[in-house]
PDB file of N, CA and C in Angstrom:
ATOM      1  N   MET A   1     -40.675   7.231  -7.931  1.00  0.00           N
ATOM      2  CA  MET A   1     -39.702   6.218  -8.033  1.00  0.00           C
ATOM      3  C   MET A   1     -38.385   6.571  -7.338  1.00  0.00           C
ATOM      4  N   THR A   2     -38.005   7.867  -7.396  1.00  0.00           N
ATOM      5  CA  THR A   2     -36.807   8.339  -6.771  1.00  0.00           C
ATOM      6  C   THR A   2     -36.910   8.205  -5.245  1.00  0.00           C
ATOM      7  N   ALA A   3     -38.125   8.493  -4.716  1.00  0.00           N
ATOM      8  CA  ALA A   3     -38.300   8.346  -3.245  1.00  0.00           C
ATOM      9  C   ALA A   3     -38.156   6.928  -2.775  1.00  0.00           C
ATOM     10  N   LEU A   4     -38.659   6.008  -3.564  1.00  0.00           N
ATOM     11  CA  LEU A   4     -38.574   4.586  -3.280  1.00  0.00           C
ATOM     12  C   LEU A   4     -37.138   4.117  -3.240  1.00  0.00           C
ATOM     13  N   ILE A   5     -36.362   4.512  -4.251  1.00  0.00           N
ATOM     14  CA  ILE A   5     -34.965   4.124  -4.324  1.00  0.00           C
ATOM     15  C   ILE A   5     -34.199   4.769  -3.177  1.00  0.00           C
ATOM     16  N   GLY A   6     -34.461   6.030  -2.932  1.00  0.00           N
ATOM     17  CA  GLY A   6     -33.820   6.731  -1.796  1.00  0.00           C
ATOM     18  C   GLY A   6     -34.137   6.117  -0.446  1.00  0.00           C
ATOM     19  N   GLY A   7     -35.335   5.571  -0.335  1.00  0.00           N
ATOM     20  CA  GLY A   7     -35.713   4.892   0.910  1.00  0.00           C
ATOM     21  C   GLY A   7     -35.011   3.552   1.079  1.00  0.00           C
ATOM     22  N   LEU A   8     -34.610   2.937  -0.032  1.00  0.00           N
ATOM     23  CA  LEU A   8     -33.908   1.628   0.078  1.00  0.00           C
ATOM     24  C   LEU A   8     -32.458   1.788   0.562  1.00  0.00           C
ATOM     25  N   VAL A   9     -31.847   2.961   0.376  1.00  0.00           N
ATOM     26  CA  VAL A   9     -30.461   3.140   0.720  1.00  0.00           C
ATOM     27  C   VAL A   9     -30.192   2.841   2.183  1.00  0.00           C
ATOM     28  N   PRO A  10     -30.926   3.397   3.177  1.00  0.00           N
ATOM     29  CA  PRO A  10     -30.650   3.049   4.542  1.00  0.00           C
ATOM     30  C   PRO A  10     -30.934   1.569   4.895  1.00  0.00           C
ATOM     31  N   LEU A  11     -31.874   0.992   4.209  1.00  0.00           N
ATOM     32  CA  LEU A  11     -32.149  -0.478   4.416  1.00  0.00           C
ATOM     33  C   LEU A  11     -30.981  -1.332   3.922  1.00  0.00           C
ATOM     34  N   VAL A  12     -30.460  -0.999   2.761  1.00  0.00           N
ATOM     35  CA  VAL A  12     -29.343  -1.741   2.210  1.00  0.00           C
ATOM     36  C   VAL A  12     -28.091  -1.525   3.051  1.00  0.00           C
ATOM     37  N   THR A  13     -27.919  -0.334   3.573  1.00  0.00           N
ATOM     38  CA  THR A  13     -26.787  -0.092   4.495  1.00  0.00           C
ATOM     39  C   THR A  13     -26.929  -0.897   5.741  1.00  0.00           C
ATOM     40  N   ALA A  14     -28.087  -0.913   6.348  1.00  0.00           N
ATOM     41  CA  ALA A  14     -28.289  -1.706   7.559  1.00  0.00           C
ATOM     42  C   ALA A  14     -28.100  -3.229   7.256  1.00  0.00           C
ATOM     43  N   PHE A  15     -28.602  -3.649   6.070  1.00  0.00           N
ATOM     44  CA  PHE A  15     -28.423  -5.038   5.673  1.00  0.00           C
ATOM     45  C   PHE A  15     -26.922  -5.349   5.497  1.00  0.00           C
ATOM     46  N   ALA A  16     -26.186  -4.421   4.958  1.00  0.00           N
ATOM     47  CA  ALA A  16     -24.764  -4.650   4.777  1.00  0.00           C
ATOM     48  C   ALA A  16     -24.062  -4.872   6.104  1.00  0.00           C
ATOM     49  N   LEU A  17     -24.354  -4.064   7.068  1.00  0.00           N
ATOM     50  CA  LEU A  17     -23.758  -4.178   8.394  1.00  0.00           C
ATOM     51  C   LEU A  17     -24.149  -5.517   9.026  1.00  0.00           C
ATOM     52  N   LEU A  18     -25.433  -5.869   8.908  1.00  0.00           N
ATOM     53  CA  LEU A  18     -25.929  -7.113   9.445  1.00  0.00           C
ATOM     54  C   LEU A  18     -25.285  -8.333   8.820  1.00  0.00           C
ATOM     55  N   CYS A  19     -25.194  -8.337   7.470  1.00  0.00           N
ATOM     56  CA  CYS A  19     -24.596  -9.483   6.780  1.00  0.00           C
ATOM     57  C   CYS A  19     -23.124  -9.600   7.054  1.00  0.00           C
ATOM     58  N   ALA A  20     -22.443  -8.487   7.067  1.00  0.00           N
ATOM     59  CA  ALA A  20     -21.004  -8.542   7.387  1.00  0.00           C
ATOM     60  C   ALA A  20     -20.732  -9.061   8.767  1.00  0.00           C
ATOM     61  N   PHE A  21     -21.562  -8.613   9.724  1.00  0.00           N
ATOM     62  CA  PHE A  21     -21.404  -9.100  11.085  1.00  0.00           C
ATOM     63  C   PHE A  21     -21.693 -10.588  11.194  1.00  0.00           C
ATOM     64  N   ALA A  22     -22.723 -11.018  10.459  1.00  0.00           N
ATOM     65  CA  ALA A  22     -23.058 -12.446  10.451  1.00  0.00           C
ATOM     66  C   ALA A  22     -21.881 -13.294   9.855  1.00  0.00           C
ATOM     67  N   VAL A  23     -21.358 -12.827   8.751  1.00  0.00           N
ATOM     68  CA  VAL A  23     -20.201 -13.488   8.123  1.00  0.00           C
ATOM     69  C   VAL A  23     -19.004 -13.489   9.086  1.00  0.00           C
ATOM     70  N   LEU A  24     -18.765 -12.404   9.747  1.00  0.00           N
ATOM     71  CA  LEU A  24     -17.700 -12.351  10.729  1.00  0.00           C
ATOM     72  C   LEU A  24     -17.863 -13.353  11.849  1.00  0.00           C
ATOM     73  N   VAL A  25     -19.064 -13.446  12.339  1.00  0.00           N
ATOM     74  CA  VAL A  25     -19.385 -14.389  13.472  1.00  0.00           C
ATOM     75  C   VAL A  25     -19.181 -15.793  12.981  1.00  0.00           C
ATOM     76  N   VAL A  26     -19.726 -16.101  11.831  1.00  0.00           N
ATOM     77  CA  VAL A  26     -19.680 -17.515  11.312  1.00  0.00           C
ATOM     78  C   VAL A  26     -18.271 -17.921  10.939  1.00  0.00           C
ATOM     79  N   THR A  27     -17.521 -17.067  10.196  1.00  0.00           N
ATOM     80  CA  THR A  27     -16.219 -17.437   9.672  1.00  0.00           C
ATOM     81  C   THR A  27     -15.081 -17.007  10.557  1.00  0.00           C
ATOM     82  N   ARG A  28     -15.360 -16.031  11.429  1.00  0.00           N
ATOM     83  CA  ARG A  28     -14.300 -15.453  12.307  1.00  0.00           C
ATOM     84  C   ARG A  28     -13.161 -14.955  11.455  1.00  0.00           C
ATOM     85  N   SER A  29     -13.470 -14.377  10.312  1.00  0.00           N
ATOM     86  CA  SER A  29     -12.451 -13.887   9.367  1.00  0.00           C
ATOM     87  C   SER A  29     -12.816 -12.507   8.874  1.00  0.00           C
ATOM     88  N   VAL A  30     -12.034 -11.529   9.204  1.00  0.00           N
ATOM     89  CA  VAL A  30     -12.239 -10.178   8.644  1.00  0.00           C
ATOM     90  C   VAL A  30     -12.010 -10.240   7.159  1.00  0.00           C
ATOM     91  N   ARG A  31     -11.059 -11.068   6.716  1.00  0.00           N
ATOM     92  CA  ARG A  31     -10.727 -11.217   5.305  1.00  0.00           C
ATOM     93  C   ARG A  31     -11.975 -11.635   4.502  1.00  0.00           C
ATOM     94  N   THR A  32     -12.946 -12.335   5.070  1.00  0.00           N
ATOM     95  CA  THR A  32     -14.116 -12.779   4.414  1.00  0.00           C
ATOM     96  C   THR A  32     -15.250 -11.751   4.581  1.00  0.00           C
ATOM     97  N   ALA A  33     -15.296 -11.204   5.760  1.00  0.00           N
ATOM     98  CA  ALA A  33     -16.452 -10.326   6.103  1.00  0.00           C
ATOM     99  C   ALA A  33     -16.309  -8.912   5.438  1.00  0.00           C
ATOM    100  N   LEU A  34     -15.100  -8.444   5.302  1.00  0.00           N
ATOM    101  CA  LEU A  34     -14.885  -7.089   4.762  1.00  0.00           C
ATOM    102  C   LEU A  34     -15.350  -6.938   3.322  1.00  0.00           C
ATOM    103  N   PRO A  35     -15.091  -7.846   2.428  1.00  0.00           N
ATOM    104  CA  PRO A  35     -15.592  -7.701   1.068  1.00  0.00           C
ATOM    105  C   PRO A  35     -17.140  -7.772   1.006  1.00  0.00           C
ATOM    106  N   VAL A  36     -17.772  -8.546   1.866  1.00  0.00           N
ATOM    107  CA  VAL A  36     -19.236  -8.561   1.921  1.00  0.00           C
ATOM    108  C   VAL A  36     -19.758  -7.176   2.279  1.00  0.00           C
ATOM    109  N   LEU A  37     -19.131  -6.604   3.307  1.00  0.00           N
ATOM    110  CA  LEU A  37     -19.590  -5.261   3.756  1.00  0.00           C
ATOM    111  C   LEU A  37     -19.381  -4.240   2.658  1.00  0.00           C
ATOM    112  N   LEU A  38     -18.224  -4.225   2.041  1.00  0.00           N
ATOM    113  CA  LEU A  38     -17.891  -3.192   1.040  1.00  0.00           C
ATOM    114  C   LEU A  38     -18.727  -3.421  -0.242  1.00  0.00           C
ATOM    115  N   ASP A  39     -19.004  -4.620  -0.597  1.00  0.00           N
ATOM    116  CA  ASP A  39     -19.809  -4.845  -1.827  1.00  0.00           C
ATOM    117  C   ASP A  39     -21.237  -4.298  -1.568  1.00  0.00           C
ATOM    118  N   LEU A  40     -21.805  -4.644  -0.429  1.00  0.00           N
ATOM    119  CA  LEU A  40     -23.179  -4.140  -0.130  1.00  0.00           C
ATOM    120  C   LEU A  40     -23.239  -2.633   0.094  1.00  0.00           C
ATOM    121  N   LEU A  41     -22.158  -2.029   0.621  1.00  0.00           N
ATOM    122  CA  LEU A  41     -22.127  -0.586   0.755  1.00  0.00           C
ATOM    123  C   LEU A  41     -22.023  -0.006  -0.691  1.00  0.00           C
ATOM    124  N   LEU A  42     -21.300  -0.638  -1.557  1.00  0.00           N
ATOM    125  CA  LEU A  42     -21.225  -0.166  -2.937  1.00  0.00           C
ATOM    126  C   LEU A  42     -22.634  -0.204  -3.599  1.00  0.00           C
ATOM    127  N   VAL A  43     -23.421  -1.229  -3.302  1.00  0.00           N
ATOM    128  CA  VAL A  43     -24.783  -1.325  -3.769  1.00  0.00           C
ATOM    129  C   VAL A  43     -25.602  -0.105  -3.259  1.00  0.00           C
ATOM    130  N   ALA A  44     -25.438   0.202  -1.979  1.00  0.00           N
ATOM    131  CA  ALA A  44     -26.153   1.342  -1.417  1.00  0.00           C
ATOM    132  C   ALA A  44     -25.733   2.637  -2.038  1.00  0.00           C
ATOM    133  N   GLY A  45     -24.421   2.779  -2.317  1.00  0.00           N
ATOM    134  CA  GLY A  45     -23.968   3.952  -2.959  1.00  0.00           C
ATOM    135  C   GLY A  45     -24.448   4.103  -4.405  1.00  0.00           C
ATOM    136  N   LEU A  46     -24.527   2.999  -5.086  1.00  0.00           N
ATOM    137  CA  LEU A  46     -25.037   3.071  -6.492  1.00  0.00           C
ATOM    138  C   LEU A  46     -26.553   3.290  -6.462  1.00  0.00           C
ATOM    139  N   LEU A  47     -27.306   2.761  -5.519  1.00  0.00           N
ATOM    140  CA  LEU A  47     -28.731   3.145  -5.430  1.00  0.00           C
ATOM    141  C   LEU A  47     -28.883   4.602  -5.173  1.00  0.00           C
ATOM    142  N   ARG A  48     -28.083   5.130  -4.267  1.00  0.00           N
ATOM    143  CA  ARG A  48     -28.158   6.560  -3.981  1.00  0.00           C
ATOM    144  C   ARG A  48     -27.827   7.366  -5.242  1.00  0.00           C
ATOM    145  N   LEU A  49     -26.788   6.934  -5.977  1.00  0.00           N
ATOM    146  CA  LEU A  49     -26.385   7.622  -7.158  1.00  0.00           C
ATOM    147  C   LEU A  49     -27.541   7.602  -8.214  1.00  0.00           C
ATOM    148  N   SER A  50     -28.218   6.459  -8.320  1.00  0.00           N
ATOM    149  CA  SER A  50     -29.305   6.411  -9.285  1.00  0.00           C
ATOM    150  C   SER A  50     -30.494   7.308  -8.881  1.00  0.00           C
ATOM    151  N   ALA A  51     -30.641   7.520  -7.597  1.00  0.00           N
ATOM    152  CA  ALA A  51     -31.763   8.356  -7.122  1.00  0.00           C
ATOM    153  C   ALA A  51     -31.461   9.830  -7.304  1.00  0.00           C
ATOM    154  N   THR A  52     -30.242  10.223  -6.987  1.00  0.00           N
ATOM    155  CA  THR A  52     -29.830  11.627  -7.116  1.00  0.00           C
ATOM    156  C   THR A  52     -28.521  11.712  -7.790  1.00  0.00           C
ATOM    157  N   SER A  53     -28.509  12.346  -8.905  1.00  0.00           N
ATOM    158  CA  SER A  53     -27.277  12.501  -9.710  1.00  0.00           C
ATOM    159  C   SER A  53     -26.525  13.721  -9.200  1.00  0.00           C
ATOM    160  N   SER A  54     -26.051  13.693  -7.971  1.00  0.00           N
ATOM    161  CA  SER A  54     -25.227  14.792  -7.457  1.00  0.00           C
ATOM    162  C   SER A  54     -23.792  14.389  -7.365  1.00  0.00           C
ATOM    163  N   TRP A  55     -22.933  15.398  -7.229  1.00  0.00           N
ATOM    164  CA  TRP A  55     -21.539  15.114  -7.068  1.00  0.00           C
ATOM    165  C   TRP A  55     -21.229  14.436  -5.792  1.00  0.00           C
ATOM    166  N   ALA A  56     -22.005  14.685  -4.742  1.00  0.00           N
ATOM    167  CA  ALA A  56     -21.826  14.021  -3.467  1.00  0.00           C
ATOM    168  C   ALA A  56     -22.094  12.479  -3.598  1.00  0.00           C
ATOM    169  N   ALA A  57     -23.131  12.157  -4.338  1.00  0.00           N
ATOM    170  CA  ALA A  57     -23.456  10.726  -4.551  1.00  0.00           C
ATOM    171  C   ALA A  57     -22.379  10.079  -5.391  1.00  0.00           C
ATOM    172  N   ILE A  58     -21.881  10.760  -6.391  1.00  0.00           N
ATOM    173  CA  ILE A  58     -20.810  10.194  -7.216  1.00  0.00           C
ATOM    174  C   ILE A  58     -19.544  10.000  -6.401  1.00  0.00           C
ATOM    175  N   GLY A  59     -19.236  10.980  -5.579  1.00  0.00           N
ATOM    176  CA  GLY A  59     -18.072  10.897  -4.658  1.00  0.00           C
ATOM    177  C   GLY A  59     -18.181   9.746  -3.701  1.00  0.00           C
ATOM    178  N   THR A  60     -19.387   9.568  -3.154  1.00  0.00           N
ATOM    179  CA  THR A  60     -19.578   8.464  -2.174  1.00  0.00           C
ATOM    180  C   THR A  60     -19.349   7.106  -2.836  1.00  0.00           C
ATOM    181  N   ALA A  61     -19.915   6.937  -4.034  1.00  0.00           N
ATOM    182  CA  ALA A  61     -19.760   5.676  -4.744  1.00  0.00           C
ATOM    183  C   ALA A  61     -18.301   5.457  -5.097  1.00  0.00           C
ATOM    184  N   ALA A  62     -17.641   6.503  -5.568  1.00  0.00           N
ATOM    185  CA  ALA A  62     -16.230   6.370  -5.908  1.00  0.00           C
ATOM    186  C   ALA A  62     -15.328   6.063  -4.698  1.00  0.00           C
ATOM    187  N   ALA A  63     -15.669   6.673  -3.530  1.00  0.00           N
ATOM    188  CA  ALA A  63     -14.960   6.390  -2.334  1.00  0.00           C
ATOM    189  C   ALA A  63     -15.066   4.981  -1.856  1.00  0.00           C
ATOM    190  N   VAL A  64     -16.252   4.422  -1.960  1.00  0.00           N
ATOM    191  CA  VAL A  64     -16.491   3.048  -1.571  1.00  0.00           C
ATOM    192  C   VAL A  64     -15.710   2.076  -2.473  1.00  0.00           C
ATOM    193  N   VAL A  65     -15.690   2.403  -3.800  1.00  0.00           N
ATOM    194  CA  VAL A  65     -14.938   1.560  -4.730  1.00  0.00           C
ATOM    195  C   VAL A  65     -13.451   1.660  -4.367  1.00  0.00           C
ATOM    196  N   ALA A  66     -12.879   2.849  -4.117  1.00  0.00           N
ATOM    197  CA  ALA A  66     -11.550   3.001  -3.728  1.00  0.00           C
ATOM    198  C   ALA A  66     -11.169   2.271  -2.479  1.00  0.00           C
ATOM    199  N   VAL A  67     -12.024   2.377  -1.444  1.00  0.00           N
ATOM    200  CA  VAL A  67     -11.748   1.705  -0.174  1.00  0.00           C
ATOM    201  C   VAL A  67     -11.777   0.178  -0.395  1.00  0.00           C
ATOM    202  N   ARG A  68     -12.711  -0.305  -1.217  1.00  0.00           N
ATOM    203  CA  ARG A  68     -12.775  -1.722  -1.445  1.00  0.00           C
ATOM    204  C   ARG A  68     -11.512  -2.252  -2.148  1.00  0.00           C
ATOM    205  N   LYS A  69     -10.988  -1.489  -3.148  1.00  0.00           N
ATOM    206  CA  LYS A  69      -9.777  -1.858  -3.864  1.00  0.00           C
ATOM    207  C   LYS A  69      -8.611  -1.846  -2.912  1.00  0.00           C
ATOM    208  N   VAL A  70      -8.435  -0.773  -2.138  1.00  0.00           N
ATOM    209  CA  VAL A  70      -7.274  -0.682  -1.235  1.00  0.00           C
ATOM    210  C   VAL A  70      -7.348  -1.772  -0.139  1.00  0.00           C
ATOM    211  N   ALA A  71      -8.517  -2.052   0.390  1.00  0.00           N
ATOM    212  CA  ALA A  71      -8.683  -3.078   1.389  1.00  0.00           C
ATOM    213  C   ALA A  71      -8.375  -4.462   0.786  1.00  0.00           C
ATOM    214  N   GLY A  72      -8.838  -4.708  -0.424  1.00  0.00           N
ATOM    215  CA  GLY A  72      -8.563  -5.962  -1.098  1.00  0.00           C
ATOM    216  C   GLY A  72      -7.085  -6.177  -1.313  1.00  0.00           C
ATOM    217  N   PHE A  73      -6.421  -5.161  -1.771  1.00  0.00           N
ATOM    218  CA  PHE A  73      -4.926  -5.216  -1.916  1.00  0.00           C
ATOM    219  C   PHE A  73      -4.217  -5.450  -0.620  1.00  0.00           C
ATOM    220  N   GLY A  74      -4.707  -4.746   0.396  1.00  0.00           N
ATOM    221  CA  GLY A  74      -4.068  -4.897   1.727  1.00  0.00           C
ATOM    222  C   GLY A  74      -4.269  -6.267   2.293  1.00  0.00           C
ATOM    223  N   LEU A  75      -5.473  -6.857   2.113  1.00  0.00           N
ATOM    224  CA  LEU A  75      -5.703  -8.205   2.631  1.00  0.00           C
ATOM    225  C   LEU A  75      -4.947  -9.234   1.872  1.00  0.00           C
ATOM    226  N   ALA A  76      -4.791  -8.995   0.527  1.00  0.00           N
ATOM    227  CA  ALA A  76      -4.026  -9.954  -0.270  1.00  0.00           C
ATOM    228  C   ALA A  76      -2.544  -9.846   0.040  1.00  0.00           C
ATOM    229  N   ALA A  77      -2.051  -8.676   0.385  1.00  0.00           N
ATOM    230  CA  ALA A  77      -0.605  -8.503   0.691  1.00  0.00           C
ATOM    231  C   ALA A  77      -0.309  -9.138   2.035  1.00  0.00           C
ATOM    232  N   GLY A  78      -1.292  -9.132   2.920  1.00  0.00           N
ATOM    233  CA  GLY A  78      -1.069  -9.731   4.241  1.00  0.00           C
ATOM    234  C   GLY A  78      -1.082 -11.232   4.240  1.00  0.00           C
ATOM    235  N   HIS A  79      -1.553 -11.832   3.135  1.00  0.00           N
ATOM    236  CA  HIS A  79      -1.668 -13.314   3.057  1.00  0.00           C
ATOM    237  C   HIS A  79      -1.141 -13.727   1.665  1.00  0.00           C
ATOM    238  N   PRO A  80       0.190 -13.876   1.499  1.00  0.00           N
ATOM    239  CA  PRO A  80       0.697 -14.176   0.212  1.00  0.00           C
ATOM    240  C   PRO A  80       0.404 -15.619  -0.221  1.00  0.00           C
ATOM    241  N   GLY A  81      -0.471 -15.779  -1.188  1.00  0.00           N
ATOM    242  CA  GLY A  81      -0.730 -17.139  -1.754  1.00  0.00           C
ATOM    243  C   GLY A  81      -1.554 -18.017  -0.827  1.00  0.00           C
ATOM    244  N   HIS A  82      -1.839 -19.185  -1.320  1.00  0.00           N
ATOM    245  CA  HIS A  82      -2.592 -20.136  -0.568  1.00  0.00           C
ATOM    246  C   HIS A  82      -1.783 -21.434  -0.350  1.00  0.00           C
ATOM    247  N   ARG A  83      -0.486 -21.246  -0.154  1.00  0.00           N
ATOM    248  CA  ARG A  83       0.367 -22.482   0.032  1.00  0.00           C
ATOM    249  C   ARG A  83       0.270 -22.942   1.493  1.00  0.00           C
ATOM    250  N   SER A  84       0.299 -24.203   1.628  1.00  0.00           N
ATOM    251  CA  SER A  84       0.269 -24.802   2.948  1.00  0.00           C
ATOM    252  C   SER A  84       1.723 -24.851   3.510  1.00  0.00           C
ATOM    253  N   HIS A  85       1.790 -25.126   4.794  1.00  0.00           N
ATOM    254  CA  HIS A  85       3.126 -25.182   5.437  1.00  0.00           C
ATOM    255  C   HIS A  85       3.915 -26.379   4.902  1.00  0.00           C
ATOM    256  N   ALA A  86       3.261 -27.438   4.520  1.00  0.00           N
ATOM    257  CA  ALA A  86       3.930 -28.588   3.968  1.00  0.00           C
ATOM    258  C   ALA A  86       4.548 -28.303   2.644  1.00  0.00           C
ATOM    259  N   ALA A  87       3.959 -27.413   1.854  1.00  0.00           N
ATOM    260  CA  ALA A  87       4.484 -27.068   0.547  1.00  0.00           C
ATOM    261  C   ALA A  87       5.752 -26.231   0.664  1.00  0.00           C
ATOM    262  N   THR A  88       5.927 -25.497   1.807  1.00  0.00           N
ATOM    263  CA  THR A  88       7.055 -24.618   1.956  1.00  0.00           C
ATOM    264  C   THR A  88       8.270 -25.346   2.605  1.00  0.00           C
ATOM    265  N   ARG A  89       8.132 -26.567   2.976  1.00  0.00           N
ATOM    266  CA  ARG A  89       9.220 -27.278   3.675  1.00  0.00           C
ATOM    267  C   ARG A  89      10.105 -28.027   2.701  1.00  0.00           C
TER     268      ARG A  89
END
């Protein structure tokens, strides 16, 4: 079972890159594509963590969570609110 889960990690990682690229092409928005990439990379990290309970796997999963949070805050700070130009006049 561990070998099966370990074999899924590269597939999920490739799927993450493919999905994020597809979202980027369709929406032309890094703001939309980046969370897709980071969520699926988190899935890959958690799969890896479930297959091998090593400190490296725990560190990888924690790093992906940290990057996702920082990127989310950064994207939110770059776009304050959802007000239209008409509402600010």
